[in-house]
Amino acid sequence: MHPETKEQLAALKAIAKALKVPFQKEQKAELTEREKTVNLYGIEMVEAIEKAEESIKKGNFKTLDPTKSLWENIQ
C-alpha cells in the first residue's frame, strides 16, 4: 500500500495493529540537491549550468561596466 498522507498512514498502522499483522514502513532514500535539480529542470539544463560554472571558475567571463552600453562593453 502507498498512503499519500500521514492520516492514511496512521489509519493503515491502526488496522494492521488491530489485526495483529506485522507492519513495516519503507524508508525512501533522500535525493541529493543535484538529483532534485535534475528532476526539476532536466539533465541537459543542469549540465549546461555546471559547464558554465566551471568556465566561470576558470576565469572565462567578462565584467560589464554598468555606466556603458552593452555594445561599448563588448568592444
PDB file of N, CA and C in Angstrom:
ATOM      1  N   MET A   1       0.834  -1.174   0.000  1.00  0.00           N
ATOM      2  CA  MET A   1       0.000   0.000   0.000  1.00  0.00           C
ATOM      3  C   MET A   1       0.876   1.234   0.000  1.00  0.00           C
ATOM      4  N   HIS A   2       0.344   2.314  -0.553  1.00  0.00           N
ATOM      5  CA  HIS A   2       1.108   3.551  -0.667  1.00  0.00           C
ATOM      6  C   HIS A   2       0.281   4.729  -0.147  1.00  0.00           C
ATOM      7  N   PRO A   3       0.262   4.926   1.168  1.00  0.00           N
ATOM      8  CA  PRO A   3      -0.509   6.058   1.704  1.00  0.00           C
ATOM      9  C   PRO A   3       0.091   7.382   1.239  1.00  0.00           C
ATOM     10  N   GLU A   4      -0.780   8.340   0.973  1.00  0.00           N
ATOM     11  CA  GLU A   4      -0.333   9.638   0.474  1.00  0.00           C
ATOM     12  C   GLU A   4      -0.258  10.701   1.565  1.00  0.00           C
ATOM     13  N   THR A   5      -0.900  10.447   2.709  1.00  0.00           N
ATOM     14  CA  THR A   5      -0.887  11.418   3.798  1.00  0.00           C
ATOM     15  C   THR A   5      -0.535  10.721   5.105  1.00  0.00           C
ATOM     16  N   LYS A   6      -0.207  11.527   6.107  1.00  0.00           N
ATOM     17  CA  LYS A   6       0.095  10.983   7.436  1.00  0.00           C
ATOM     18  C   LYS A   6      -1.141  10.323   8.039  1.00  0.00           C
ATOM     19  N   GLU A   7      -2.298  10.898   7.743  1.00  0.00           N
ATOM     20  CA  GLU A   7      -3.547  10.340   8.273  1.00  0.00           C
ATOM     21  C   GLU A   7      -3.797   8.941   7.713  1.00  0.00           C
ATOM     22  N   GLN A   8      -3.569   8.780   6.403  1.00  0.00           N
ATOM     23  CA  GLN A   8      -3.738   7.467   5.779  1.00  0.00           C
ATOM     24  C   GLN A   8      -2.769   6.457   6.379  1.00  0.00           C
ATOM     25  N   LEU A   9      -1.538   6.886   6.594  1.00  0.00           N
ATOM     26  CA  LEU A   9      -0.526   6.009   7.181  1.00  0.00           C
ATOM     27  C   LEU A   9      -0.941   5.590   8.590  1.00  0.00           C
ATOM     28  N   ALA A  10      -1.428   6.550   9.379  1.00  0.00           N
ATOM     29  CA  ALA A  10      -1.864   6.236  10.742  1.00  0.00           C
ATOM     30  C   ALA A  10      -3.024   5.246  10.728  1.00  0.00           C
ATOM     31  N   ALA A  11      -3.957   5.425   9.795  1.00  0.00           N
ATOM     32  CA  ALA A  11      -5.104   4.505   9.705  1.00  0.00           C
ATOM     33  C   ALA A  11      -4.643   3.101   9.336  1.00  0.00           C
ATOM     34  N   LEU A  12      -3.724   2.995   8.397  1.00  0.00           N
ATOM     35  CA  LEU A  12      -3.209   1.678   7.999  1.00  0.00           C
ATOM     36  C   LEU A  12      -2.472   1.009   9.151  1.00  0.00           C
ATOM     37  N   LYS A  13      -1.702   1.786   9.901  1.00  0.00           N
ATOM     38  CA  LYS A  13      -0.998   1.233  11.057  1.00  0.00           C
ATOM     39  C   LYS A  13      -2.000   0.707  12.085  1.00  0.00           C
ATOM     40  N   ALA A  14      -3.065   1.466  12.320  1.00  0.00           N
ATOM     41  CA  ALA A  14      -4.079   1.059  13.301  1.00  0.00           C
ATOM     42  C   ALA A  14      -4.765  -0.228  12.865  1.00  0.00           C
ATOM     43  N   ILE A  15      -5.086  -0.336  11.581  1.00  0.00           N
ATOM     44  CA  ILE A  15      -5.729  -1.555  11.064  1.00  0.00           C
ATOM     45  C   ILE A  15      -4.788  -2.747  11.209  1.00  0.00           C
ATOM     46  N   ALA A  16      -3.525  -2.546  10.827  1.00  0.00           N
ATOM     47  CA  ALA A  16      -2.551  -3.631  10.925  1.00  0.00           C
ATOM     48  C   ALA A  16      -2.366  -4.071  12.376  1.00  0.00           C
ATOM     49  N   LYS A  17      -2.318  -3.107  13.277  1.00  0.00           N
ATOM     50  CA  LYS A  17      -2.159  -3.433  14.698  1.00  0.00           C
ATOM     51  C   LYS A  17      -3.380  -4.193  15.222  1.00  0.00           C
ATOM     52  N   ALA A  18      -4.583  -3.743  14.833  1.00  0.00           N
ATOM     53  CA  ALA A  18      -5.814  -4.395  15.285  1.00  0.00           C
ATOM     54  C   ALA A  18      -5.901  -5.830  14.791  1.00  0.00           C
ATOM     55  N   LEU A  19      -5.417  -6.077  13.596  1.00  0.00           N
ATOM     56  CA  LEU A  19      -5.450  -7.425  13.020  1.00  0.00           C
ATOM     57  C   LEU A  19      -4.199  -8.235  13.375  1.00  0.00           C
ATOM     58  N   LYS A  20      -3.285  -7.622  14.142  1.00  0.00           N
ATOM     59  CA  LYS A  20      -2.031  -8.255  14.543  1.00  0.00           C
ATOM     60  C   LYS A  20      -1.215  -8.697  13.331  1.00  0.00           C
ATOM     61  N   VAL A  21      -1.182  -7.802  12.342  1.00  0.00           N
ATOM     62  CA  VAL A  21      -0.404  -8.026  11.122  1.00  0.00           C
ATOM     63  C   VAL A  21       0.876  -7.200  11.246  1.00  0.00           C
ATOM     64  N   PRO A  22       2.040  -7.817  11.021  1.00  0.00           N
ATOM     65  CA  PRO A  22       3.279  -7.046  11.089  1.00  0.00           C
ATOM     66  C   PRO A  22       3.261  -5.899  10.066  1.00  0.00           C
ATOM     67  N   PHE A  23       3.713  -4.753  10.501  1.00  0.00           N
ATOM     68  CA  PHE A  23       3.695  -3.567   9.637  1.00  0.00           C
ATOM     69  C   PHE A  23       5.077  -2.957   9.642  1.00  0.00           C
ATOM     70  N   GLN A  24       5.601  -2.708   8.452  1.00  0.00           N
ATOM     71  CA  GLN A  24       6.924  -2.100   8.330  1.00  0.00           C
ATOM     72  C   GLN A  24       6.853  -0.990   7.309  1.00  0.00           C
ATOM     73  N   LYS A  25       7.237   0.215   7.709  1.00  0.00           N
ATOM     74  CA  LYS A  25       7.251   1.359   6.804  1.00  0.00           C
ATOM     75  C   LYS A  25       8.577   1.368   6.059  1.00  0.00           C
ATOM     76  N   GLU A  26       8.493   1.469   4.740  1.00  0.00           N
ATOM     77  CA  GLU A  26       9.699   1.503   3.906  1.00  0.00           C
ATOM     78  C   GLU A  26      10.192   2.939   3.818  1.00  0.00           C
ATOM     79  N   GLN A  27      11.449   3.133   4.103  1.00  0.00           N
ATOM     80  CA  GLN A  27      12.029   4.465   4.055  1.00  0.00           C
ATOM     81  C   GLN A  27      12.469   4.795   2.635  1.00  0.00           C
ATOM     82  N   LYS A  28      12.100   5.996   2.181  1.00  0.00           N
ATOM     83  CA  LYS A  28      12.545   6.458   0.871  1.00  0.00           C
ATOM     84  C   LYS A  28      13.925   7.082   1.022  1.00  0.00           C
ATOM     85  N   ALA A  29      14.763   6.833   0.051  1.00  0.00           N
ATOM     86  CA  ALA A  29      16.094   7.430   0.071  1.00  0.00           C
ATOM     87  C   ALA A  29      15.971   8.920  -0.247  1.00  0.00           C
ATOM     88  N   GLU A  30      16.718   9.738   0.481  1.00  0.00           N
ATOM     89  CA  GLU A  30      16.709  11.176   0.240  1.00  0.00           C
ATOM     90  C   GLU A  30      17.475  11.480  -1.040  1.00  0.00           C
ATOM     91  N   LEU A  31      16.941  12.382  -1.840  1.00  0.00           N
ATOM     92  CA  LEU A  31      17.602  12.801  -3.069  1.00  0.00           C
ATOM     93  C   LEU A  31      18.628  13.869  -2.748  1.00  0.00           C
ATOM     94  N   THR A  32      19.725  13.862  -3.502  1.00  0.00           N
ATOM     95  CA  THR A  32      20.715  14.922  -3.353  1.00  0.00           C
ATOM     96  C   THR A  32      20.167  16.189  -3.999  1.00  0.00           C
ATOM     97  N   GLU A  33      20.808  17.319  -3.721  1.00  0.00           N
ATOM     98  CA  GLU A  33      20.382  18.582  -4.330  1.00  0.00           C
ATOM     99  C   GLU A  33      20.463  18.499  -5.849  1.00  0.00           C
ATOM    100  N   ARG A  34      21.507  17.841  -6.366  1.00  0.00           N
ATOM    101  CA  ARG A  34      21.662  17.721  -7.816  1.00  0.00           C
ATOM    102  C   ARG A  34      20.528  16.886  -8.404  1.00  0.00           C
ATOM    103  N   GLU A  35      20.168  15.787  -7.734  1.00  0.00           N
ATOM    104  CA  GLU A  35      19.078  14.941  -8.226  1.00  0.00           C
ATOM    105  C   GLU A  35      17.750  15.698  -8.227  1.00  0.00           C
ATOM    106  N   LYS A  36      17.515  16.492  -7.182  1.00  0.00           N
ATOM    107  CA  LYS A  36      16.303  17.308  -7.144  1.00  0.00           C
ATOM    108  C   LYS A  36      16.289  18.311  -8.291  1.00  0.00           C
ATOM    109  N   THR A  37      17.443  18.927  -8.554  1.00  0.00           N
ATOM    110  CA  THR A  37      17.541  19.912  -9.628  1.00  0.00           C
ATOM    111  C   THR A  37      17.344  19.250 -10.982  1.00  0.00           C
ATOM    112  N   VAL A  38      17.928  18.073 -11.188  1.00  0.00           N
ATOM    113  CA  VAL A  38      17.752  17.344 -12.444  1.00  0.00           C
ATOM    114  C   VAL A  38      16.281  16.997 -12.644  1.00  0.00           C
ATOM    115  N   ASN A  39      15.606  16.556 -11.595  1.00  0.00           N
ATOM    116  CA  ASN A  39      14.183  16.233 -11.692  1.00  0.00           C
ATOM    117  C   ASN A  39      13.362  17.457 -12.058  1.00  0.00           C
ATOM    118  N   LEU A  40      13.770  18.616 -11.576  1.00  0.00           N
ATOM    119  CA  LEU A  40      13.024  19.841 -11.806  1.00  0.00           C
ATOM    120  C   LEU A  40      13.293  20.435 -13.190  1.00  0.00           C
ATOM    121  N   TYR A  41      14.565  20.498 -13.610  1.00  0.00           N
ATOM    122  CA  TYR A  41      14.932  21.204 -14.833  1.00  0.00           C
ATOM    123  C   TYR A  41      15.381  20.307 -15.987  1.00  0.00           C
ATOM    124  N   GLY A  42      15.740  19.076 -15.718  1.00  0.00           N
ATOM    125  CA  GLY A  42      16.228  18.184 -16.768  1.00  0.00           C
ATOM    126  C   GLY A  42      17.743  18.155 -16.791  1.00  0.00           C
ATOM    127  N   ILE A  43      18.288  17.024 -17.221  1.00  0.00           N
ATOM    128  CA  ILE A  43      19.741  16.817 -17.191  1.00  0.00           C
ATOM    129  C   ILE A  43      20.485  17.767 -18.123  1.00  0.00           C
ATOM    130  N   GLU A  44      19.895  18.083 -19.277  1.00  0.00           N
ATOM    131  CA  GLU A  44      20.582  18.962 -20.233  1.00  0.00           C
ATOM    132  C   GLU A  44      20.820  20.342 -19.634  1.00  0.00           C
ATOM    133  N   MET A  45      19.795  20.886 -18.984  1.00  0.00           N
ATOM    134  CA  MET A  45      19.908  22.213 -18.379  1.00  0.00           C
ATOM    135  C   MET A  45      20.927  22.194 -17.243  1.00  0.00           C
ATOM    136  N   VAL A  46      20.884  21.174 -16.408  1.00  0.00           N
ATOM    137  CA  VAL A  46      21.807  21.080 -15.277  1.00  0.00           C
ATOM    138  C   VAL A  46      23.245  20.978 -15.768  1.00  0.00           C
ATOM    139  N   GLU A  47      23.485  20.156 -16.772  1.00  0.00           N
ATOM    140  CA  GLU A  47      24.840  20.014 -17.307  1.00  0.00           C
ATOM    141  C   GLU A  47      25.319  21.312 -17.947  1.00  0.00           C
ATOM    142  N   ALA A  48      24.448  22.039 -18.634  1.00  0.00           N
ATOM    143  CA  ALA A  48      24.827  23.317 -19.240  1.00  0.00           C
ATOM    144  C   ALA A  48      25.225  24.327 -18.163  1.00  0.00           C
ATOM    145  N   ILE A  49      24.481  24.360 -17.073  1.00  0.00           N
ATOM    146  CA  ILE A  49      24.790  25.288 -15.979  1.00  0.00           C
ATOM    147  C   ILE A  49      26.090  24.887 -15.292  1.00  0.00           C
ATOM    148  N   GLU A  50      26.295  23.584 -15.076  1.00  0.00           N
ATOM    149  CA  GLU A  50      27.548  23.125 -14.460  1.00  0.00           C
ATOM    150  C   GLU A  50      28.744  23.468 -15.338  1.00  0.00           C
ATOM    151  N   LYS A  51      28.587  23.330 -16.644  1.00  0.00           N
ATOM    152  CA  LYS A  51      29.663  23.674 -17.575  1.00  0.00           C
ATOM    153  C   LYS A  51      29.960  25.173 -17.505  1.00  0.00           C
ATOM    154  N   ALA A  52      28.908  25.993 -17.441  1.00  0.00           N
ATOM    155  CA  ALA A  52      29.089  27.442 -17.343  1.00  0.00           C
ATOM    156  C   ALA A  52      29.774  27.820 -16.028  1.00  0.00           C
ATOM    157  N   GLU A  53      29.392  27.164 -14.940  1.00  0.00           N
ATOM    158  CA  GLU A  53      30.016  27.444 -13.643  1.00  0.00           C
ATOM    159  C   GLU A  53      31.497  27.098 -13.658  1.00  0.00           C
ATOM    160  N   GLU A  54      31.853  25.986 -14.286  1.00  0.00           N
ATOM    161  CA  GLU A  54      33.270  25.603 -14.407  1.00  0.00           C
ATOM    162  C   GLU A  54      34.037  26.639 -15.218  1.00  0.00           C
ATOM    163  N   SER A  55      33.426  27.111 -16.289  1.00  0.00           N
ATOM    164  CA  SER A  55      34.052  28.123 -17.137  1.00  0.00           C
ATOM    165  C   SER A  55      34.302  29.404 -16.345  1.00  0.00           C
ATOM    166  N   ILE A  56      33.339  29.797 -15.523  1.00  0.00           N
ATOM    167  CA  ILE A  56      33.487  30.995 -14.695  1.00  0.00           C
ATOM    168  C   ILE A  56      34.612  30.803 -13.688  1.00  0.00           C
ATOM    169  N   LYS A  57      34.707  29.612 -13.088  1.00  0.00           N
ATOM    170  CA  LYS A  57      35.780  29.332 -12.125  1.00  0.00           C
ATOM    171  C   LYS A  57      37.155  29.437 -12.772  1.00  0.00           C
ATOM    172  N   LYS A  58      37.219  29.114 -14.070  1.00  0.00           N
ATOM    173  CA  LYS A  58      38.488  29.198 -14.798  1.00  0.00           C
ATOM    174  C   LYS A  58      38.804  30.617 -15.249  1.00  0.00           C
ATOM    175  N   GLY A  59      37.890  31.545 -14.984  1.00  0.00           N
ATOM    176  CA  GLY A  59      38.137  32.940 -15.340  1.00  0.00           C
ATOM    177  C   GLY A  59      37.623  33.328 -16.712  1.00  0.00           C
ATOM    178  N   ASN A  60      36.832  32.503 -17.333  1.00  0.00           N
ATOM    179  CA  ASN A  60      36.303  32.793 -18.662  1.00  0.00           C
ATOM    180  C   ASN A  60      35.007  33.584 -18.558  1.00  0.00           C
ATOM    181  N   PHE A  61      35.145  34.870 -18.205  1.00  0.00           N
ATOM    182  CA  PHE A  61      33.977  35.747 -18.136  1.00  0.00           C
ATOM    183  C   PHE A  61      34.448  37.181 -18.304  1.00  0.00           C
ATOM    184  N   LYS A  62      33.513  38.074 -18.578  1.00  0.00           N
ATOM    185  CA  LYS A  62      33.821  39.485 -18.722  1.00  0.00           C
ATOM    186  C   LYS A  62      32.879  40.260 -17.822  1.00  0.00           C
ATOM    187  N   THR A  63      33.442  41.160 -17.035  1.00  0.00           N
ATOM    188  CA  THR A  63      32.639  42.004 -16.163  1.00  0.00           C
ATOM    189  C   THR A  63      32.220  43.236 -16.951  1.00  0.00           C
ATOM    190  N   LEU A  64      30.924  43.529 -16.919  1.00  0.00           N
ATOM    191  CA  LEU A  64      30.410  44.670 -17.662  1.00  0.00           C
ATOM    192  C   LEU A  64      30.383  45.915 -16.789  1.00  0.00           C
ATOM    193  N   ASP A  65      30.672  47.058 -17.427  1.00  0.00           N
ATOM    194  CA  ASP A  65      30.617  48.350 -16.752  1.00  0.00           C
ATOM    195  C   ASP A  65      29.189  48.882 -16.881  1.00  0.00           C
ATOM    196  N   PRO A  66      28.475  49.042 -15.767  1.00  0.00           N
ATOM    197  CA  PRO A  66      27.077  49.465 -15.847  1.00  0.00           C
ATOM    198  C   PRO A  66      26.889  50.887 -16.368  1.00  0.00           C
ATOM    199  N   THR A  67      27.971  51.675 -16.410  1.00  0.00           N
ATOM    200  CA  THR A  67      27.846  53.047 -16.919  1.00  0.00           C
ATOM    201  C   THR A  67      27.946  53.090 -18.432  1.00  0.00           C
ATOM    202  N   LYS A  68      28.304  51.967 -19.067  1.00  0.00           N
ATOM    203  CA  LYS A  68      28.432  51.897 -20.525  1.00  0.00           C
ATOM    204  C   LYS A  68      27.301  51.057 -21.103  1.00  0.00           C
ATOM    205  N   SER A  69      27.053  51.240 -22.389  1.00  0.00           N
ATOM    206  CA  SER A  69      26.043  50.424 -23.060  1.00  0.00           C
ATOM    207  C   SER A  69      26.603  49.021 -23.272  1.00  0.00           C
ATOM    208  N   LEU A  70      25.729  48.107 -23.579  1.00  0.00           N
ATOM    209  CA  LEU A  70      26.154  46.732 -23.833  1.00  0.00           C
ATOM    210  C   LEU A  70      27.158  46.698 -24.980  1.00  0.00           C
ATOM    211  N   TRP A  71      26.890  47.446 -26.023  1.00  0.00           N
ATOM    212  CA  TRP A  71      27.783  47.478 -27.180  1.00  0.00           C
ATOM    213  C   TRP A  71      29.161  47.986 -26.788  1.00  0.00           C
ATOM    214  N   GLU A  72      29.209  49.036 -25.978  1.00  0.00           N
ATOM    215  CA  GLU A  72      30.502  49.578 -25.533  1.00  0.00           C
ATOM    216  C   GLU A  72      31.250  48.572 -24.663  1.00  0.00           C
ATOM    217  N   ASN A  73      30.532  47.795 -23.897  1.00  0.00           N
ATOM    218  CA  ASN A  73      31.154  46.812 -23.028  1.00  0.00           C
ATOM    219  C   ASN A  73      31.785  45.660 -23.795  1.00  0.00           C
ATOM    220  N   ILE A  74      31.232  45.274 -24.938  1.00  0.00           N
ATOM    221  CA  ILE A  74      31.758  44.103 -25.649  1.00  0.00           C
ATOM    222  C   ILE A  74      32.843  44.457 -26.662  1.00  0.00           C
ATOM    223  N   GLN A  75      33.080  45.731 -26.892  1.00  0.00           N
ATOM    224  CA  GLN A  75      34.133  46.112 -27.848  1.00  0.00           C
ATOM    225  C   GLN A  75      35.499  46.058 -27.217  1.00  0.00           C
TER     226      GLN A  75
END
